[in-house]
C-alpha atoms as a PDB file:
ATOM      1  CA  MET A   1     107.072  87.820 118.643  1.00  0.00           C
ATOM      2  CA  LYS A   2     106.060  91.238 119.785  1.00  0.00           C
ATOM      3  CA  LEU A   3     105.533  92.423 116.197  1.00  0.00           C
ATOM      4  CA  LEU A   4     103.251  89.534 115.458  1.00  0.00           C
ATOM      5  CA  THR A   5     101.147  90.154 118.798  1.00  0.00           C
ATOM      6  CA  VAL A   6     100.543  93.806 117.890  1.00  0.00           C
ATOM      7  CA  PHE A   7      99.953  92.928 114.276  1.00  0.00           C
ATOM      8  CA  VAL A   8      97.343  90.593 115.213  1.00  0.00           C
ATOM      9  CA  ALA A   9      95.589  93.119 117.510  1.00  0.00           C
ATOM     10  CA  VAL A  10      95.381  95.636 114.800  1.00  0.00           C
ATOM     11  CA  ALA A  11      94.352  93.078 112.178  1.00  0.00           C
ATOM     12  CA  ALA A  12      91.568  92.067 114.660  1.00  0.00           C
ATOM     13  CA  ALA A  13      90.456  95.661 114.787  1.00  0.00           C
ATOM     14  CA  LEU A  14      90.329  96.021 111.032  1.00  0.00           C
ATOM     15  CA  SER A  15      88.000  93.029 110.879  1.00  0.00           C
ATOM     16  CA  MET A  16      85.563  94.284 113.520  1.00  0.00           C
ATOM     17  CA  GLY A  17      83.594  96.475 111.165  1.00  0.00           C
ATOM     18  CA  SER A  18      81.851  94.325 109.394  1.00  0.00           C
ATOM     19  CA  VAL A  19      83.294  97.844 113.459  1.00  0.00           C
ATOM     20  CA  SER A  20      85.880 109.057 112.958  1.00  0.00           C
ATOM     21  CA  ALA A  21      86.054 110.255 109.891  1.00  0.00           C
ATOM     22  CA  SER A  22      84.377 112.683 108.132  1.00  0.00           C
ATOM     23  CA  GLY A  23      81.028 111.293 106.573  1.00  0.00           C
ATOM     24  CA  LEU A  24      80.757 113.472 103.652  1.00  0.00           C
ATOM     25  CA  LEU A  25      82.528 111.205 101.181  1.00  0.00           C
ATOM     26  CA  GLY A  26      84.000 114.166  99.108  1.00  0.00           C
ATOM     27  CA  ASP A  27      86.256 111.759  97.392  1.00  0.00           C
ATOM     28  CA  ALA A  28      83.622 109.148  96.210  1.00  0.00           C
ATOM     29  CA  PRO A  29      84.304 107.999  92.575  1.00  0.00           C
ATOM     30  CA  LYS A  30      81.699 108.947  89.755  1.00  0.00           C
ATOM     31  CA  GLU A  31      81.485 105.096  89.241  1.00  0.00           C
ATOM     32  CA  GLY A  32      82.816 101.900  90.915  1.00  0.00           C
ATOM     33  CA  SER A  33      84.754 101.585  93.997  1.00  0.00           C
ATOM     34  CA  LYS A  34      88.213 102.652  95.463  1.00  0.00           C
ATOM     35  CA  GLY A  35      90.116 102.244  98.797  1.00  0.00           C
ATOM     36  CA  ASN A  36      93.187 102.566 100.732  1.00  0.00           C
ATOM     37  CA  PHE A  37      95.075 100.521 103.344  1.00  0.00           C
ATOM     38  CA  ASP A  38      97.463 102.309 105.685  1.00  0.00           C
ATOM     39  CA  LEU A  39     100.114 100.837 107.962  1.00  0.00           C
ATOM     40  CA  GLY A  40     102.862 102.234 110.202  1.00  0.00           C
ATOM     41  CA  TYR A  41     105.355 100.547 112.540  1.00  0.00           C
ATOM     42  CA  VAL A  42     108.042 101.750 115.017  1.00  0.00           C
ATOM     43  CA  THR A  43     110.041  99.538 117.355  1.00  0.00           C
ATOM     44  CA  THR A  44     113.052 100.505 119.522  1.00  0.00           C
ATOM     45  CA  SER A  45     115.294  98.323 121.661  1.00  0.00           C
ATOM     46  CA  GLY A  46     117.986  98.646 124.418  1.00  0.00           C
ATOM     47  CA  ASN A  47     117.189 100.436 127.659  1.00  0.00           C
ATOM     48  CA  THR A  48     113.542 100.770 126.675  1.00  0.00           C
ATOM     49  CA  ASP A  49     111.818  98.329 124.301  1.00  0.00           C
ATOM     50  CA  THR A  50     108.991  99.839 122.509  1.00  0.00           C
ATOM     51  CA  THR A  51     106.720  98.775 119.726  1.00  0.00           C
ATOM     52  CA  SER A  52     103.861 100.937 118.063  1.00  0.00           C
ATOM     53  CA  LEU A  53     101.738  99.904 115.204  1.00  0.00           C
ATOM     54  CA  ASN A  54      98.835 101.554 113.527  1.00  0.00           C
ATOM     55  CA  GLY A  55      96.788 100.553 110.562  1.00  0.00           C
ATOM     56  CA  GLY A  56      93.497 101.875 108.530  1.00  0.00           C
ATOM     57  CA  PHE A  57      91.361 100.617 105.953  1.00  0.00           C
ATOM     58  CA  ASN A  58      89.091 103.191 103.907  1.00  0.00           C
ATOM     59  CA  TRP A  59      86.724 102.055 101.123  1.00  0.00           C
ATOM     60  CA  VAL A  60      84.028 103.942  99.149  1.00  0.00           C
ATOM     61  CA  THR A  61      81.777 102.976  96.423  1.00  0.00           C
ATOM     62  CA  ARG A  62      79.317 104.416  93.997  1.00  0.00           C
ATOM     63  CA  VAL A  63      76.088 102.365  94.588  1.00  0.00           C
ATOM     64  CA  SER A  64      74.054 104.474  92.118  1.00  0.00           C
ATOM     65  CA  GLU A  65      74.488 107.801  90.438  1.00  0.00           C
ATOM     66  CA  PRO A  66      72.948 109.790  93.476  1.00  0.00           C
ATOM     67  CA  TYR A  67      74.048 107.281  96.065  1.00  0.00           C
ATOM     68  CA  SER A  68      77.440 106.596  97.537  1.00  0.00           C
ATOM     69  CA  MET A  69      78.591 104.661 100.534  1.00  0.00           C
ATOM     70  CA  GLY A  70      81.897 103.868 102.383  1.00  0.00           C
ATOM     71  CA  PHE A  71      83.582 102.277 105.522  1.00  0.00           C
ATOM     72  CA  THR A  72      86.495 103.692 107.614  1.00  0.00           C
ATOM     73  CA  VAL A  73      88.229 101.333 110.124  1.00  0.00           C
ATOM     74  CA  THR A  74      91.424 102.236 111.960  1.00  0.00           C
ATOM     75  CA  GLY A  75      93.470 100.560 114.844  1.00  0.00           C
ATOM     76  CA  LEU A  76      96.363 101.614 117.145  1.00  0.00           C
ATOM     77  CA  ASN A  77      98.467  99.791 119.572  1.00  0.00           C
ATOM     78  CA  ASN A  78     101.506 100.942 121.649  1.00  0.00           C
ATOM     79  CA  ALA A  79     103.749  98.954 124.114  1.00  0.00           C
ATOM     80  CA  THR A  80     106.584  99.819 126.231  1.00  0.00           C
ATOM     81  CA  ASP A  81     108.600  97.055 127.992  1.00  0.00           C
ATOM     82  CA  ASP A  82     105.870  94.655 126.922  1.00  0.00           C
ATOM     83  CA  VAL A  83     103.263  96.905 128.836  1.00  0.00           C
ATOM     84  CA  ARG A  84     100.309  98.113 126.549  1.00  0.00           C
ATOM     85  CA  SER A  85     100.314 101.993 126.811  1.00  0.00           C
ATOM     86  CA  ALA A  86      97.705 102.728 123.982  1.00  0.00           C
ATOM     87  CA  GLU A  87      94.952 100.951 122.450  1.00  0.00           C
ATOM     88  CA  ARG A  88      92.413 102.615 120.005  1.00  0.00           C
ATOM     89  CA  TYR A  89      89.798 101.423 117.509  1.00  0.00           C
ATOM     90  CA  THR A  90      87.379 103.266 115.330  1.00  0.00           C
ATOM     91  CA  PHE A  91      84.715 102.380 112.739  1.00  0.00           C
ATOM     92  CA  ALA A  92      82.506 104.501 110.696  1.00  0.00           C
ATOM     93  CA  TRP A  93      79.847 103.776 108.174  1.00  0.00           C
ATOM     94  CA  ASN A  94      79.078 106.759 106.058  1.00  0.00           C
ATOM     95  CA  ASN A  95      76.432 107.303 103.409  1.00  0.00           C
ATOM     96  CA  ARG A  96      75.823 110.262 101.046  1.00  0.00           C
ATOM     97  CA  TYR A  97      72.784 110.892  98.786  1.00  0.00           C
ATOM     98  CA  ASP A  98      73.204 113.618  96.106  1.00  0.00           C
ATOM     99  CA  LEU A  99      70.159 116.043  95.559  1.00  0.00           C
ATOM    100  CA  THR A 100      71.942 118.276  93.019  1.00  0.00           C
ATOM    101  CA  ASP A 101      75.697 118.841  91.688  1.00  0.00           C
ATOM    102  CA  LYS A 102      76.377 120.899  94.975  1.00  0.00           C
ATOM    103  CA  ASP A 103      73.826 119.583  97.733  1.00  0.00           C
ATOM    104  CA  PHE A 104      73.467 116.261  99.349  1.00  0.00           C
ATOM    105  CA  LEU A 105      72.130 114.498 102.327  1.00  0.00           C
ATOM    106  CA  TYR A 106      74.497 112.428 104.468  1.00  0.00           C
ATOM    107  CA  GLY A 107      74.331 109.947 107.267  1.00  0.00           C
ATOM    108  CA  THR A 108      77.100 108.616 109.701  1.00  0.00           C
ATOM    109  CA  LEU A 109      77.081 105.656 112.114  1.00  0.00           C
ATOM    110  CA  ASP A 110      80.573 105.631 114.046  1.00  0.00           C
ATOM    111  CA  TYR A 111      82.145 104.036 117.126  1.00  0.00           C
ATOM    112  CA  VAL A 112      85.425 104.630 118.908  1.00  0.00           C
ATOM    113  CA  ASN A 113      86.901 102.117 121.632  1.00  0.00           C
ATOM    114  CA  ASP A 114      89.799 103.689 123.315  1.00  0.00           C
ATOM    115  CA  TYR A 115      91.053 101.357 126.379  1.00  0.00           C
ATOM    116  CA  PHE A 116      93.390 104.387 127.453  1.00  0.00           C
ATOM    117  CA  GLY A 117      91.029 107.431 126.467  1.00  0.00           C
ATOM    118  CA  ALA A 118      88.820 109.659 128.199  1.00  0.00           C
ATOM    119  CA  TYR A 119      85.737 107.201 127.718  1.00  0.00           C
ATOM    120  CA  ASP A 120      85.456 103.355 127.311  1.00  0.00           C
ATOM    121  CA  TYR A 121      83.721 103.972 123.996  1.00  0.00           C
ATOM    122  CA  GLN A 122      81.799 106.657 122.078  1.00  0.00           C
ATOM    123  CA  SER A 123      79.083 105.760 119.591  1.00  0.00           C
ATOM    124  CA  GLY A 124      76.647 107.805 117.317  1.00  0.00           C
ATOM    125  CA  LEU A 125      74.186 108.112 114.602  1.00  0.00           C
ATOM    126  CA  TYR A 126      73.919 111.373 112.712  1.00  0.00           C
ATOM    127  CA  LEU A 127      71.831 112.599 109.606  1.00  0.00           C
ATOM    128  CA  GLY A 128      72.332 115.750 107.945  1.00  0.00           C
ATOM    129  CA  TYR A 129      72.619 118.088 104.973  1.00  0.00           C
ATOM    130  CA  GLY A 130      75.881 118.840 103.124  1.00  0.00           C
ATOM    131  CA  ARG A 131      77.139 121.267 100.693  1.00  0.00           C
ATOM    132  CA  GLN A 132      79.902 120.436  97.681  1.00  0.00           C
ATOM    133  CA  ILE A 133      81.887 123.776  97.714  1.00  0.00           C
ATOM    134  CA  PHE A 134      84.037 122.568  94.901  1.00  0.00           C
ATOM    135  CA  LYS A 135      85.283 119.483  93.470  1.00  0.00           C
ATOM    136  CA  ASP A 136      87.705 119.616  90.491  1.00  0.00           C
ATOM    137  CA  ASP A 137      91.500 118.759  89.535  1.00  0.00           C
ATOM    138  CA  SER A 138      92.908 120.784  92.437  1.00  0.00           C
ATOM    139  CA  GLY A 139      90.982 118.695  95.066  1.00  0.00           C
ATOM    140  CA  HIS A 140      87.544 119.076  96.894  1.00  0.00           C
ATOM    141  CA  LEU A 141      85.850 120.828  99.767  1.00  0.00           C
ATOM    142  CA  SER A 142      82.753 119.682 101.457  1.00  0.00           C
ATOM    143  CA  LEU A 143      80.672 121.147 104.368  1.00  0.00           C
ATOM    144  CA  GLY A 144      77.986 119.354 106.370  1.00  0.00           C
ATOM    145  CA  ILE A 145      75.808 119.781 109.363  1.00  0.00           C
ATOM    146  CA  ALA A 146      73.812 117.075 111.090  1.00  0.00           C
ATOM    147  CA  ALA A 147      71.692 116.096 114.087  1.00  0.00           C
ATOM    148  CA  GLY A 148      71.907 112.960 115.982  1.00  0.00           C
ATOM    149  CA  TYR A 149      72.198 110.779 118.995  1.00  0.00           C
ATOM    150  CA  ARG A 150      75.345 109.581 121.002  1.00  0.00           C
ATOM    151  CA  VAL A 151      76.335 107.422 123.635  1.00  0.00           C
ATOM    152  CA  ASN A 152      79.480 108.245 126.007  1.00  0.00           C
ATOM    153  CA  ALA A 153      80.292 105.114 127.616  1.00  0.00           C
ATOM    154  CA  VAL A 154      82.344 105.599 130.888  1.00  0.00           C
ATOM    155  CA  PHE A 155      84.515 102.893 132.525  1.00  0.00           C
ATOM    156  CA  VAL A 156      82.812 103.174 135.895  1.00  0.00           C
ATOM    157  CA  GLY A 157      79.367 104.649 136.535  1.00  0.00           C
ATOM    158  CA  GLU A 158      76.475 105.503 134.301  1.00  0.00           C
ATOM    159  CA  ASP A 159      76.802 106.087 130.496  1.00  0.00           C
ATOM    160  CA  GLU A 160      76.073 109.294 128.987  1.00  0.00           C
ATOM    161  CA  LYS A 161      73.307 109.351 126.365  1.00  0.00           C
ATOM    162  CA  GLU A 162      72.684 112.770 124.470  1.00  0.00           C
ATOM    163  CA  ALA A 163      71.181 114.435 121.635  1.00  0.00           C
ATOM    164  CA  VAL A 164      74.015 116.260 119.436  1.00  0.00           C
ATOM    165  CA  VAL A 165      74.551 118.527 116.602  1.00  0.00           C
ATOM    166  CA  ARG A 166      77.423 117.811 114.335  1.00  0.00           C
ATOM    167  CA  GLY A 167      79.623 119.798 112.024  1.00  0.00           C
ATOM    168  CA  ASP A 168      81.860 118.278 109.254  1.00  0.00           C
ATOM    169  CA  LEU A 169      84.627 119.607 106.903  1.00  0.00           C
ATOM    170  CA  ASP A 170      86.261 117.370 104.347  1.00  0.00           C
ATOM    171  CA  TYR A 171      89.146 119.082 102.377  1.00  0.00           C
ATOM    172  CA  LEU A 172      91.743 117.594  99.924  1.00  0.00           C
ATOM    173  CA  TYR A 173      94.233 119.743  97.986  1.00  0.00           C
ATOM    174  CA  ASN A 174      96.486 118.224  95.227  1.00  0.00           C
ATOM    175  CA  ILE A 175      99.873 119.818  95.901  1.00  0.00           C
ATOM    176  CA  SER A 176     101.285 118.130  92.687  1.00  0.00           C
ATOM    177  CA  GLU A 177     100.736 115.032  90.630  1.00  0.00           C
ATOM    178  CA  THR A 178     102.388 112.882  93.098  1.00  0.00           C
ATOM    179  CA  ALA A 179     101.524 114.788  96.556  1.00  0.00           C
ATOM    180  CA  GLN A 180      98.367 115.426  98.386  1.00  0.00           C
ATOM    181  CA  PHE A 181      97.230 117.263 101.528  1.00  0.00           C
ATOM    182  CA  SER A 182      93.979 116.448 103.301  1.00  0.00           C
ATOM    183  CA  GLN A 183      92.117 118.002 106.318  1.00  0.00           C
ATOM    184  CA  LYS A 184      89.183 116.670 108.019  1.00  0.00           C
ATOM    185  CA  LEU A 185      87.271 118.137 110.993  1.00  0.00           C
ATOM    186  CA  THR A 186      84.265 117.128 112.977  1.00  0.00           C
ATOM    187  CA  ALA A 187      82.847 119.159 115.914  1.00  0.00           C
ATOM    188  CA  ILE A 188      79.993 117.376 117.849  1.00  0.00           C
ATOM    189  CA  PHE A 189      77.994 119.500 120.385  1.00  0.00           C
ATOM    190  CA  GLY A 190      76.124 117.444 122.933  1.00  0.00           C
ATOM    191  CA  GLU A 191      74.083 118.376 126.012  1.00  0.00           C
ATOM    192  CA  GLU A 192      76.726 116.796 128.203  1.00  0.00           C
ATOM    193  CA  VAL A 193      79.988 116.601 126.046  1.00  0.00           C
ATOM    194  CA  ASP A 194      81.526 118.564 123.163  1.00  0.00           C
ATOM    195  CA  THR A 195      83.973 116.453 120.888  1.00  0.00           C
ATOM    196  CA  TYR A 196      86.459 118.147 118.257  1.00  0.00           C
ATOM    197  CA  THR A 197      88.374 115.896 115.952  1.00  0.00           C
ATOM    198  CA  SER A 198      91.077 116.932 113.531  1.00  0.00           C
ATOM    199  CA  GLU A 199      92.974 114.650 111.156  1.00  0.00           C
ATOM    200  CA  SER A 200      95.730 116.394 108.733  1.00  0.00           C
ATOM    201  CA  ALA A 201      97.601 114.253 106.440  1.00  0.00           C
ATOM    202  CA  VAL A 202     100.078 114.484 103.819  1.00  0.00           C
ATOM    203  CA  THR A 203     100.885 111.818 101.100  1.00  0.00           C
ATOM    204  CA  ALA A 204     103.588 111.385  98.627  1.00  0.00           C
ATOM    205  CA  LYS A 205     103.265 108.829  95.836  1.00  0.00           C
ATOM    206  CA  LEU A 206     105.993 106.263  95.291  1.00  0.00           C
ATOM    207  CA  SER A 207     104.116 104.528  92.730  1.00  0.00           C
ATOM    208  CA  GLU A 208     100.713 104.228  91.024  1.00  0.00           C
ATOM    209  CA  SER A 209      99.404 102.414  94.207  1.00  0.00           C
ATOM    210  CA  LEU A 210     101.996 103.020  96.861  1.00  0.00           C
ATOM    211  CA  ALA A 211     102.573 106.340  98.817  1.00  0.00           C
ATOM    212  CA  LEU A 212     104.353 107.485 102.006  1.00  0.00           C
ATOM    213  CA  LYS A 213     101.858 109.135 104.354  1.00  0.00           C
ATOM    214  CA  ALA A 214     102.140 111.207 107.401  1.00  0.00           C
ATOM    215  CA  ALA A 215      99.052 111.994 109.597  1.00  0.00           C
ATOM    216  CA  TYR A 216      98.335 114.031 112.789  1.00  0.00           C
ATOM    217  CA  LEU A 217      95.156 113.248 114.777  1.00  0.00           C
ATOM    218  CA  VAL A 218      93.858 115.309 117.548  1.00  0.00           C
ATOM    219  CA  ASN A 219      90.778 114.438 119.616  1.00  0.00           C
ATOM    220  CA  HIS A 220      89.297 116.535 122.368  1.00  0.00           C
ATOM    221  CA  ASN A 221      86.423 116.022 124.798  1.00  0.00           C
ATOM    222  CA  SER A 222      85.326 119.057 126.717  1.00  0.00           C
ATOM    223  CA  VAL A 223      84.228 117.106 129.661  1.00  0.00           C
ATOM    224  CA  VAL A 224      86.123 113.821 130.748  1.00  0.00           C
ATOM    225  CA  PRO A 225      85.895 111.644 133.840  1.00  0.00           C
ATOM    226  CA  VAL A 226      88.253 112.320 136.774  1.00  0.00           C
ATOM    227  CA  GLY A 227      91.878 111.148 136.084  1.00  0.00           C
ATOM    228  CA  ARG A 228      91.442 111.309 132.143  1.00  0.00           C
ATOM    229  CA  ASP A 229      92.932 114.000 129.846  1.00  0.00           C
ATOM    230  CA  LYS A 230      90.681 116.157 127.644  1.00  0.00           C
ATOM    231  CA  THR A 231      92.847 116.081 124.476  1.00  0.00           C
ATOM    232  CA  ASP A 232      94.703 112.931 122.912  1.00  0.00           C
ATOM    233  CA  THR A 233      97.107 113.254 119.956  1.00  0.00           C
ATOM    234  CA  THR A 234      98.543 110.767 117.464  1.00  0.00           C
ATOM    235  CA  LEU A 235     101.415 111.273 114.825  1.00  0.00           C
ATOM    236  CA  SER A 236     101.867 108.397 112.393  1.00  0.00           C
ATOM    237  CA  ILE A 237     104.018 107.807 109.611  1.00  0.00           C
ATOM    238  CA  GLY A 238     103.778 104.928 107.370  1.00  0.00           C
ATOM    239  CA  VAL A 239     102.810 103.654 103.807  1.00  0.00           C
ATOM    240  CA  SER A 240      99.532 103.790 102.062  1.00  0.00           C
ATOM    241  CA  TYR A 241      98.433 101.206  99.454  1.00  0.00           C
ATOM    242  CA  SER A 242      95.624 102.338  97.152  1.00  0.00           C
ATOM    243  CA  PHE A 243      93.340 100.113  95.045  1.00  0.00           C
END
């Protein structure tokens, strides 16, 4: 019953997007669409009963020769002795328009809802310029810089609304034919709050469409309400299904 409750919560989160991730879409296909679904689950019982479930959905499509678009949705839910200890949902809508083989414009709309985080939610809209440093059989690397507007919603008091500058890095390295390392970095510099997000992941293929995935996520806010931590980290291990 606990597993069903947690699974329903994450499933609901994954259906919100129709509700952060790098918006550079360095992995966009030359044509058609591709995506993946990630799922990780841990449970313990005895002196302490714990459950942890995290899920993610990523989809990107080539709309036209210069234009690609993608969605990323994630959900995390932890409970200890039937008491919820973590619950976080994110959504990002990413767009990219290629100007040349190397240069592109990009836009991102994102939303983070963290019931136990520094803010009730953070949401922003960003438009910028990117550069594809390389993309070949070894992997890809893209860099971007954007301007935007963000809302930092506090649990109590007046929400913070600010103009921001955002930097993005999207890197992927093919370790072998069956293993990959990826690194996504985002830095958002605001009038009130600076936010830094890092996601490092390693995947190892089990079959053509199924892989094991280990990921480490760090999210840091330079200014937080009283009683909240500036840095949140999440380590997840699970399976990834590609389609």
